[in-house]
Amino acid sequence: MVFSQDRDKLRQLYCEAWQQHRQGRELEPLQTQIVAVVERHPEYQALLEQPERALAREYLPELGETNPFLHMGMHLAIHEQVSTDRPAGIREIYQRTAAAGADPHALEHQLMECLAETLWQAQRDGQPPDEDSYLRCIRARLGQVF
């Protein structure tokens, strides 16, 4: 996963991955993951094809705007959590729900709601994210008890 405080570098990473994909060039593993997320979000593709616009744009939640980079980054975070099973148990929850017929993209959106809430609470309280609360939120949202 990419860790950086530089917003423009992170946004550029998305634009470059999408551009390389569109040009049929070989992708690095992280770029492959980014492209997979972008492919499921056609509404963001035109933005990524205009890097100068992508780098300059501000997204204001108070105006009801969704930050596409935050949204795609949350998808990548969910992929990372499931692949590493951190927090412990998230992989099983994801696999059971997907095996029961849930659309994987919609399932990720459900998990992202809980992730966003957990991160907001951690920031508000000045504490690390509470993994147990996060998993409880996911189970409640998915209507699962296990």
N, C-alpha and C. Protein backbone atom coordinates (compact mmCIF):
# COMPACT_ATOMS: atom_id res chain seq x y z
N MET A 1 0.85 -1.18 0.00
CA MET A 1 0.00 0.00 0.00
C MET A 1 0.89 1.23 0.00
N VAL A 2 0.38 2.31 -0.52
CA VAL A 2 1.14 3.54 -0.62
C VAL A 2 0.79 4.43 0.56
N PHE A 3 1.81 4.91 1.24
CA PHE A 3 1.60 5.82 2.36
C PHE A 3 2.30 7.12 2.02
N SER A 4 1.56 8.19 1.98
CA SER A 4 2.14 9.49 1.67
C SER A 4 1.20 10.56 2.19
N GLN A 5 1.80 11.66 2.59
CA GLN A 5 1.01 12.81 3.00
C GLN A 5 0.84 13.80 1.85
N ASP A 6 1.47 13.52 0.73
CA ASP A 6 1.44 14.41 -0.42
C ASP A 6 0.25 14.04 -1.31
N ARG A 7 -0.79 14.83 -1.21
CA ARG A 7 -2.02 14.58 -1.95
C ARG A 7 -1.77 14.48 -3.44
N ASP A 8 -0.97 15.38 -3.99
CA ASP A 8 -0.73 15.39 -5.42
C ASP A 8 0.01 14.13 -5.89
N LYS A 9 0.96 13.65 -5.10
CA LYS A 9 1.68 12.43 -5.47
C LYS A 9 0.73 11.23 -5.49
N LEU A 10 -0.15 11.17 -4.52
CA LEU A 10 -1.12 10.07 -4.49
C LEU A 10 -2.07 10.14 -5.67
N ARG A 11 -2.55 11.33 -5.96
CA ARG A 11 -3.46 11.48 -7.09
C ARG A 11 -2.74 11.16 -8.40
N GLN A 12 -1.49 11.57 -8.51
CA GLN A 12 -0.72 11.30 -9.71
C GLN A 12 -0.55 9.80 -9.91
N LEU A 13 -0.40 9.06 -8.83
CA LEU A 13 -0.28 7.61 -8.91
C LEU A 13 -1.49 6.99 -9.59
N TYR A 14 -2.68 7.46 -9.25
CA TYR A 14 -3.90 6.97 -9.88
C TYR A 14 -3.92 7.34 -11.36
N CYS A 15 -3.59 8.58 -11.66
CA CYS A 15 -3.60 9.03 -13.06
C CYS A 15 -2.60 8.24 -13.90
N GLU A 16 -1.41 8.05 -13.37
CA GLU A 16 -0.38 7.32 -14.12
C GLU A 16 -0.76 5.86 -14.33
N ALA A 17 -1.31 5.23 -13.31
CA ALA A 17 -1.73 3.83 -13.47
C ALA A 17 -2.78 3.71 -14.55
N TRP A 18 -3.75 4.61 -14.54
CA TRP A 18 -4.82 4.57 -15.53
C TRP A 18 -4.27 4.85 -16.93
N GLN A 19 -3.37 5.82 -17.03
CA GLN A 19 -2.77 6.15 -18.33
C GLN A 19 -1.97 4.95 -18.86
N GLN A 20 -1.16 4.33 -18.03
CA GLN A 20 -0.38 3.17 -18.48
C GLN A 20 -1.29 2.03 -18.92
N HIS A 21 -2.37 1.83 -18.20
CA HIS A 21 -3.34 0.80 -18.57
C HIS A 21 -3.94 1.11 -19.94
N ARG A 22 -4.35 2.35 -20.14
CA ARG A 22 -4.97 2.74 -21.40
C ARG A 22 -4.00 2.63 -22.57
N GLN A 23 -2.72 2.76 -22.29
CA GLN A 23 -1.70 2.64 -23.33
C GLN A 23 -1.24 1.20 -23.52
N GLY A 24 -1.78 0.28 -22.73
CA GLY A 24 -1.42 -1.11 -22.84
C GLY A 24 -0.04 -1.44 -22.31
N ARG A 25 0.48 -0.57 -21.46
CA ARG A 25 1.81 -0.80 -20.90
C ARG A 25 1.74 -1.69 -19.67
N GLU A 26 2.85 -2.29 -19.36
CA GLU A 26 2.93 -3.19 -18.21
C GLU A 26 2.74 -2.39 -16.92
N LEU A 27 1.99 -3.00 -15.99
CA LEU A 27 1.68 -2.34 -14.72
C LEU A 27 2.40 -3.02 -13.57
N GLU A 28 2.75 -2.23 -12.59
CA GLU A 28 3.27 -2.77 -11.35
C GLU A 28 2.09 -3.29 -10.54
N PRO A 29 2.34 -4.15 -9.54
CA PRO A 29 1.22 -4.75 -8.78
C PRO A 29 0.24 -3.73 -8.19
N LEU A 30 0.74 -2.66 -7.59
CA LEU A 30 -0.17 -1.66 -7.03
C LEU A 30 -0.98 -0.98 -8.14
N GLN A 31 -0.34 -0.71 -9.28
CA GLN A 31 -1.06 -0.11 -10.40
C GLN A 31 -2.17 -1.03 -10.89
N THR A 32 -1.91 -2.33 -10.88
CA THR A 32 -2.93 -3.30 -11.29
C THR A 32 -4.13 -3.22 -10.36
N GLN A 33 -3.88 -3.07 -9.07
CA GLN A 33 -4.97 -2.94 -8.11
C GLN A 33 -5.75 -1.65 -8.33
N ILE A 34 -5.02 -0.58 -8.58
CA ILE A 34 -5.67 0.71 -8.82
C ILE A 34 -6.55 0.63 -10.07
N VAL A 35 -6.02 0.05 -11.14
CA VAL A 35 -6.78 -0.06 -12.38
C VAL A 35 -8.04 -0.89 -12.17
N ALA A 36 -7.95 -1.95 -11.39
CA ALA A 36 -9.13 -2.77 -11.13
C ALA A 36 -10.22 -1.95 -10.44
N VAL A 37 -9.83 -1.08 -9.53
CA VAL A 37 -10.81 -0.21 -8.86
C VAL A 37 -11.36 0.81 -9.84
N VAL A 38 -10.50 1.42 -10.63
CA VAL A 38 -10.94 2.43 -11.60
C VAL A 38 -11.90 1.82 -12.62
N GLU A 39 -11.63 0.61 -13.05
CA GLU A 39 -12.51 -0.04 -14.03
C GLU A 39 -13.93 -0.20 -13.48
N ARG A 40 -14.06 -0.37 -12.18
CA ARG A 40 -15.39 -0.50 -11.57
C ARG A 40 -16.02 0.86 -11.27
N HIS A 41 -15.32 1.93 -11.61
CA HIS A 41 -15.83 3.28 -11.39
C HIS A 41 -15.66 4.11 -12.66
N PRO A 42 -16.46 3.82 -13.67
CA PRO A 42 -16.34 4.58 -14.92
C PRO A 42 -16.56 6.08 -14.73
N GLU A 43 -17.25 6.46 -13.70
CA GLU A 43 -17.51 7.88 -13.45
C GLU A 43 -16.24 8.65 -13.10
N TYR A 44 -15.16 7.96 -12.75
CA TYR A 44 -13.90 8.62 -12.41
C TYR A 44 -12.88 8.57 -13.53
N GLN A 45 -13.13 7.81 -14.56
CA GLN A 45 -12.13 7.58 -15.60
C GLN A 45 -11.77 8.85 -16.36
N ALA A 46 -12.73 9.66 -16.72
CA ALA A 46 -12.43 10.90 -17.45
C ALA A 46 -11.57 11.83 -16.62
N LEU A 47 -11.83 11.88 -15.32
CA LEU A 47 -11.01 12.71 -14.44
C LEU A 47 -9.56 12.26 -14.46
N LEU A 48 -9.33 10.95 -14.40
CA LEU A 48 -7.97 10.42 -14.37
C LEU A 48 -7.23 10.64 -15.69
N GLU A 49 -7.98 10.87 -16.75
CA GLU A 49 -7.38 11.14 -18.05
C GLU A 49 -6.98 12.61 -18.20
N GLN A 50 -7.29 13.41 -17.18
CA GLN A 50 -6.93 14.83 -17.16
C GLN A 50 -6.17 15.12 -15.87
N PRO A 51 -4.91 14.70 -15.78
CA PRO A 51 -4.16 14.82 -14.52
C PRO A 51 -4.14 16.22 -13.93
N GLU A 52 -4.03 17.25 -14.76
CA GLU A 52 -3.99 18.61 -14.23
C GLU A 52 -5.29 18.95 -13.51
N ARG A 53 -6.41 18.51 -14.04
CA ARG A 53 -7.70 18.72 -13.40
C ARG A 53 -7.81 17.89 -12.12
N ALA A 54 -7.34 16.65 -12.20
CA ALA A 54 -7.41 15.75 -11.05
C ALA A 54 -6.59 16.29 -9.88
N LEU A 55 -5.43 16.86 -10.18
CA LEU A 55 -4.56 17.37 -9.12
C LEU A 55 -5.10 18.65 -8.49
N ALA A 56 -5.78 19.45 -9.27
CA ALA A 56 -6.24 20.76 -8.80
C ALA A 56 -7.57 20.73 -8.06
N ARG A 57 -8.38 19.77 -8.31
CA ARG A 57 -9.76 19.77 -7.83
C ARG A 57 -9.86 19.55 -6.32
N GLU A 58 -10.69 20.35 -5.70
CA GLU A 58 -11.03 20.18 -4.28
C GLU A 58 -12.41 19.55 -4.22
N TYR A 59 -12.61 18.68 -3.26
CA TYR A 59 -13.91 18.02 -3.06
C TYR A 59 -14.41 18.38 -1.68
N LEU A 60 -15.57 18.99 -1.63
CA LEU A 60 -16.10 19.50 -0.38
C LEU A 60 -17.30 18.67 0.07
N PRO A 61 -17.12 17.87 1.12
CA PRO A 61 -18.23 17.04 1.60
C PRO A 61 -19.43 17.86 2.04
N GLU A 62 -19.17 19.06 2.54
CA GLU A 62 -20.29 19.91 2.97
C GLU A 62 -21.16 20.34 1.79
N LEU A 63 -20.65 20.18 0.57
CA LEU A 63 -21.43 20.46 -0.63
C LEU A 63 -21.96 19.17 -1.25
N GLY A 64 -21.79 18.06 -0.53
CA GLY A 64 -22.27 16.78 -1.01
C GLY A 64 -21.36 16.13 -2.04
N GLU A 65 -20.12 16.58 -2.14
CA GLU A 65 -19.19 16.04 -3.13
C GLU A 65 -18.44 14.85 -2.55
N THR A 66 -18.26 13.84 -3.40
CA THR A 66 -17.46 12.69 -3.04
C THR A 66 -16.08 12.85 -3.63
N ASN A 67 -15.06 12.64 -2.81
CA ASN A 67 -13.70 12.69 -3.29
C ASN A 67 -13.39 11.35 -3.94
N PRO A 68 -13.21 11.30 -5.27
CA PRO A 68 -12.99 10.02 -5.93
C PRO A 68 -11.70 9.33 -5.48
N PHE A 69 -10.70 10.11 -5.12
CA PHE A 69 -9.43 9.51 -4.69
C PHE A 69 -9.58 8.87 -3.31
N LEU A 70 -10.32 9.51 -2.45
CA LEU A 70 -10.61 8.92 -1.15
C LEU A 70 -11.44 7.66 -1.33
N HIS A 71 -12.44 7.73 -2.19
CA HIS A 71 -13.31 6.58 -2.44
C HIS A 71 -12.51 5.40 -2.98
N MET A 72 -11.68 5.65 -3.99
CA MET A 72 -10.88 4.56 -4.56
C MET A 72 -9.85 4.05 -3.55
N GLY A 73 -9.29 4.96 -2.76
CA GLY A 73 -8.34 4.56 -1.72
C GLY A 73 -8.98 3.68 -0.67
N MET A 74 -10.25 3.94 -0.37
CA MET A 74 -10.97 3.09 0.59
C MET A 74 -11.16 1.69 0.01
N HIS A 75 -11.44 1.60 -1.27
CA HIS A 75 -11.53 0.27 -1.89
C HIS A 75 -10.19 -0.46 -1.75
N LEU A 76 -9.10 0.23 -2.02
CA LEU A 76 -7.78 -0.39 -1.89
C LEU A 76 -7.52 -0.82 -0.45
N ALA A 77 -7.94 -0.01 0.51
CA ALA A 77 -7.77 -0.36 1.92
C ALA A 77 -8.54 -1.62 2.27
N ILE A 78 -9.76 -1.73 1.77
CA ILE A 78 -10.57 -2.94 2.02
C ILE A 78 -9.89 -4.15 1.40
N HIS A 79 -9.38 -4.02 0.18
CA HIS A 79 -8.66 -5.14 -0.46
C HIS A 79 -7.48 -5.57 0.40
N GLU A 80 -6.74 -4.60 0.90
CA GLU A 80 -5.57 -4.90 1.74
C GLU A 80 -6.00 -5.59 3.03
N GLN A 81 -7.05 -5.10 3.65
CA GLN A 81 -7.53 -5.71 4.89
C GLN A 81 -7.94 -7.16 4.67
N VAL A 82 -8.68 -7.41 3.60
CA VAL A 82 -9.15 -8.78 3.32
C VAL A 82 -7.96 -9.68 2.99
N SER A 83 -7.01 -9.19 2.21
CA SER A 83 -5.88 -10.03 1.82
C SER A 83 -4.96 -10.36 3.00
N THR A 84 -4.86 -9.44 3.95
CA THR A 84 -3.99 -9.68 5.11
C THR A 84 -4.75 -10.16 6.34
N ASP A 85 -6.08 -10.20 6.23
CA ASP A 85 -6.96 -10.55 7.36
C ASP A 85 -6.66 -9.69 8.58
N ARG A 86 -6.58 -8.40 8.33
CA ARG A 86 -6.39 -7.45 9.42
C ARG A 86 -7.41 -6.38 9.30
N PRO A 87 -8.29 -6.21 10.22
CA PRO A 87 -8.33 -6.91 11.50
C PRO A 87 -8.73 -8.38 11.33
N ALA A 88 -8.22 -9.18 12.24
CA ALA A 88 -8.48 -10.62 12.20
C ALA A 88 -9.98 -10.88 12.15
N GLY A 89 -10.39 -11.64 11.15
CA GLY A 89 -11.80 -11.98 10.99
C GLY A 89 -12.45 -11.31 9.79
N ILE A 90 -11.85 -10.24 9.28
CA ILE A 90 -12.48 -9.54 8.15
C ILE A 90 -12.50 -10.39 6.90
N ARG A 91 -11.47 -11.20 6.69
CA ARG A 91 -11.44 -12.06 5.51
C ARG A 91 -12.60 -13.05 5.54
N GLU A 92 -12.82 -13.67 6.68
CA GLU A 92 -13.92 -14.63 6.79
C GLU A 92 -15.27 -13.96 6.55
N ILE A 93 -15.46 -12.80 7.14
CA ILE A 93 -16.71 -12.06 6.94
C ILE A 93 -16.91 -11.78 5.46
N TYR A 94 -15.87 -11.28 4.81
CA TYR A 94 -15.95 -10.94 3.39
C TYR A 94 -16.24 -12.19 2.56
N GLN A 95 -15.49 -13.25 2.80
CA GLN A 95 -15.65 -14.47 2.00
C GLN A 95 -17.02 -15.10 2.21
N ARG A 96 -17.49 -15.15 3.44
CA ARG A 96 -18.82 -15.72 3.68
C ARG A 96 -19.92 -14.91 3.00
N THR A 97 -19.80 -13.61 3.08
CA THR A 97 -20.82 -12.75 2.50
C THR A 97 -20.79 -12.84 0.98
N ALA A 98 -19.60 -12.85 0.40
CA ALA A 98 -19.48 -13.00 -1.05
C ALA A 98 -19.99 -14.36 -1.50
N ALA A 99 -19.68 -15.41 -0.74
CA ALA A 99 -20.13 -16.76 -1.09
C ALA A 99 -21.64 -16.88 -1.01
N ALA A 100 -22.27 -16.04 -0.19
CA ALA A 100 -23.73 -16.06 -0.06
C ALA A 100 -24.40 -15.30 -1.20
N GLY A 101 -23.58 -14.77 -2.12
CA GLY A 101 -24.16 -14.13 -3.30
C GLY A 101 -24.07 -12.62 -3.33
N ALA A 102 -23.41 -12.03 -2.36
CA ALA A 102 -23.29 -10.57 -2.35
C ALA A 102 -22.40 -10.11 -3.51
N ASP A 103 -22.78 -9.01 -4.13
CA ASP A 103 -21.95 -8.40 -5.15
C ASP A 103 -20.69 -7.86 -4.47
N PRO A 104 -19.50 -8.27 -4.93
CA PRO A 104 -18.26 -7.85 -4.25
C PRO A 104 -18.09 -6.33 -4.17
N HIS A 105 -18.47 -5.61 -5.21
CA HIS A 105 -18.33 -4.16 -5.19
C HIS A 105 -19.27 -3.53 -4.16
N ALA A 106 -20.50 -3.98 -4.14
CA ALA A 106 -21.46 -3.48 -3.15
C ALA A 106 -21.02 -3.86 -1.74
N LEU A 107 -20.48 -5.05 -1.59
CA LEU A 107 -19.98 -5.49 -0.29
C LEU A 107 -18.85 -4.58 0.18
N GLU A 108 -17.94 -4.23 -0.72
CA GLU A 108 -16.87 -3.31 -0.35
C GLU A 108 -17.43 -1.98 0.11
N HIS A 109 -18.47 -1.51 -0.53
CA HIS A 109 -19.09 -0.25 -0.12
C HIS A 109 -19.66 -0.35 1.29
N GLN A 110 -20.23 -1.49 1.63
CA GLN A 110 -20.74 -1.68 2.99
C GLN A 110 -19.59 -1.62 4.00
N LEU A 111 -18.50 -2.29 3.71
CA LEU A 111 -17.35 -2.28 4.59
C LEU A 111 -16.74 -0.88 4.68
N MET A 112 -16.73 -0.17 3.56
CA MET A 112 -16.18 1.18 3.54
C MET A 112 -16.96 2.12 4.45
N GLU A 113 -18.27 1.93 4.55
CA GLU A 113 -19.06 2.77 5.46
C GLU A 113 -18.57 2.60 6.90
N CYS A 114 -18.33 1.35 7.28
CA CYS A 114 -17.84 1.08 8.63
C CYS A 114 -16.42 1.57 8.82
N LEU A 115 -15.59 1.42 7.79
CA LEU A 115 -14.21 1.89 7.88
C LEU A 115 -14.19 3.41 8.06
N ALA A 116 -14.99 4.10 7.29
CA ALA A 116 -15.03 5.57 7.40
C ALA A 116 -15.49 5.98 8.80
N GLU A 117 -16.51 5.32 9.32
CA GLU A 117 -17.01 5.64 10.65
C GLU A 117 -15.93 5.37 11.71
N THR A 118 -15.24 4.25 11.58
CA THR A 118 -14.21 3.88 12.54
C THR A 118 -13.05 4.87 12.50
N LEU A 119 -12.63 5.27 11.32
CA LEU A 119 -11.55 6.24 11.19
C LEU A 119 -11.95 7.60 11.73
N TRP A 120 -13.19 8.00 11.48
CA TRP A 120 -13.68 9.28 11.99
C TRP A 120 -13.68 9.26 13.52
N GLN A 121 -14.17 8.18 14.11
CA GLN A 121 -14.20 8.08 15.57
C GLN A 121 -12.78 8.10 16.16
N ALA A 122 -11.85 7.41 15.51
CA ALA A 122 -10.48 7.39 16.00
C ALA A 122 -9.87 8.79 15.94
N GLN A 123 -10.12 9.49 14.85
CA GLN A 123 -9.60 10.85 14.72
C GLN A 123 -10.23 11.77 15.76
N ARG A 124 -11.53 11.66 15.92
CA ARG A 124 -12.25 12.49 16.88
C ARG A 124 -11.73 12.27 18.30
N ASP A 125 -11.45 10.99 18.64
CA ASP A 125 -11.03 10.65 19.99
C ASP A 125 -9.52 10.70 20.18
N GLY A 126 -8.77 10.91 19.10
CA GLY A 126 -7.32 10.92 19.21
C GLY A 126 -6.75 9.56 19.60
N GLN A 127 -7.39 8.51 19.14
CA GLN A 127 -7.00 7.14 19.48
C GLN A 127 -6.78 6.34 18.19
N PRO A 128 -6.09 5.21 18.30
CA PRO A 128 -6.01 4.32 17.13
C PRO A 128 -7.39 3.77 16.81
N PRO A 129 -7.61 3.37 15.57
CA PRO A 129 -8.92 2.78 15.22
C PRO A 129 -9.20 1.54 16.07
N ASP A 130 -10.44 1.42 16.49
CA ASP A 130 -10.88 0.28 17.31
C ASP A 130 -11.32 -0.85 16.39
N GLU A 131 -10.46 -1.85 16.25
CA GLU A 131 -10.74 -2.95 15.33
C GLU A 131 -11.99 -3.73 15.73
N ASP A 132 -12.21 -3.92 17.02
CA ASP A 132 -13.39 -4.66 17.46
C ASP A 132 -14.68 -3.92 17.09
N SER A 133 -14.68 -2.61 17.31
CA SER A 133 -15.86 -1.81 16.93
C SER A 133 -16.08 -1.85 15.42
N TYR A 134 -14.99 -1.82 14.68
CA TYR A 134 -15.06 -1.88 13.22
C TYR A 134 -15.72 -3.18 12.78
N LEU A 135 -15.27 -4.30 13.33
CA LEU A 135 -15.86 -5.60 12.97
C LEU A 135 -17.31 -5.70 13.42
N ARG A 136 -17.63 -5.15 14.58
CA ARG A 136 -19.04 -5.15 15.04
C ARG A 136 -19.91 -4.35 14.07
N CYS A 137 -19.40 -3.22 13.63
CA CYS A 137 -20.14 -2.40 12.67
C CYS A 137 -20.39 -3.18 11.39
N ILE A 138 -19.37 -3.85 10.90
CA ILE A 138 -19.51 -4.62 9.67
C ILE A 138 -20.55 -5.72 9.83
N ARG A 139 -20.44 -6.46 10.92
CA ARG A 139 -21.40 -7.55 11.15
C ARG A 139 -22.82 -7.01 11.27
N ALA A 140 -22.99 -5.92 11.95
CA ALA A 140 -24.32 -5.32 12.10
C ALA A 140 -24.85 -4.85 10.75
N ARG A 141 -24.00 -4.22 9.98
CA ARG A 141 -24.41 -3.70 8.67
C ARG A 141 -24.80 -4.84 7.72
N LEU A 142 -24.07 -5.94 7.84
CA LEU A 142 -24.33 -7.09 6.96
C LEU A 142 -25.36 -8.03 7.54
N GLY A 143 -25.79 -7.78 8.76
CA GLY A 143 -26.79 -8.65 9.39
C GLY A 143 -26.24 -10.02 9.72
N GLN A 144 -24.95 -10.08 10.04
CA GLN A 144 -24.32 -11.37 10.32
C GLN A 144 -24.02 -11.50 11.82
N VAL A 145 -24.16 -12.71 12.28
CA VAL A 145 -23.81 -13.03 13.65
C VAL A 145 -22.91 -14.24 13.61
N PHE A 146 -21.62 -14.03 13.77
CA PHE A 146 -20.66 -15.12 13.92
C PHE A 146 -19.38 -14.58 14.46
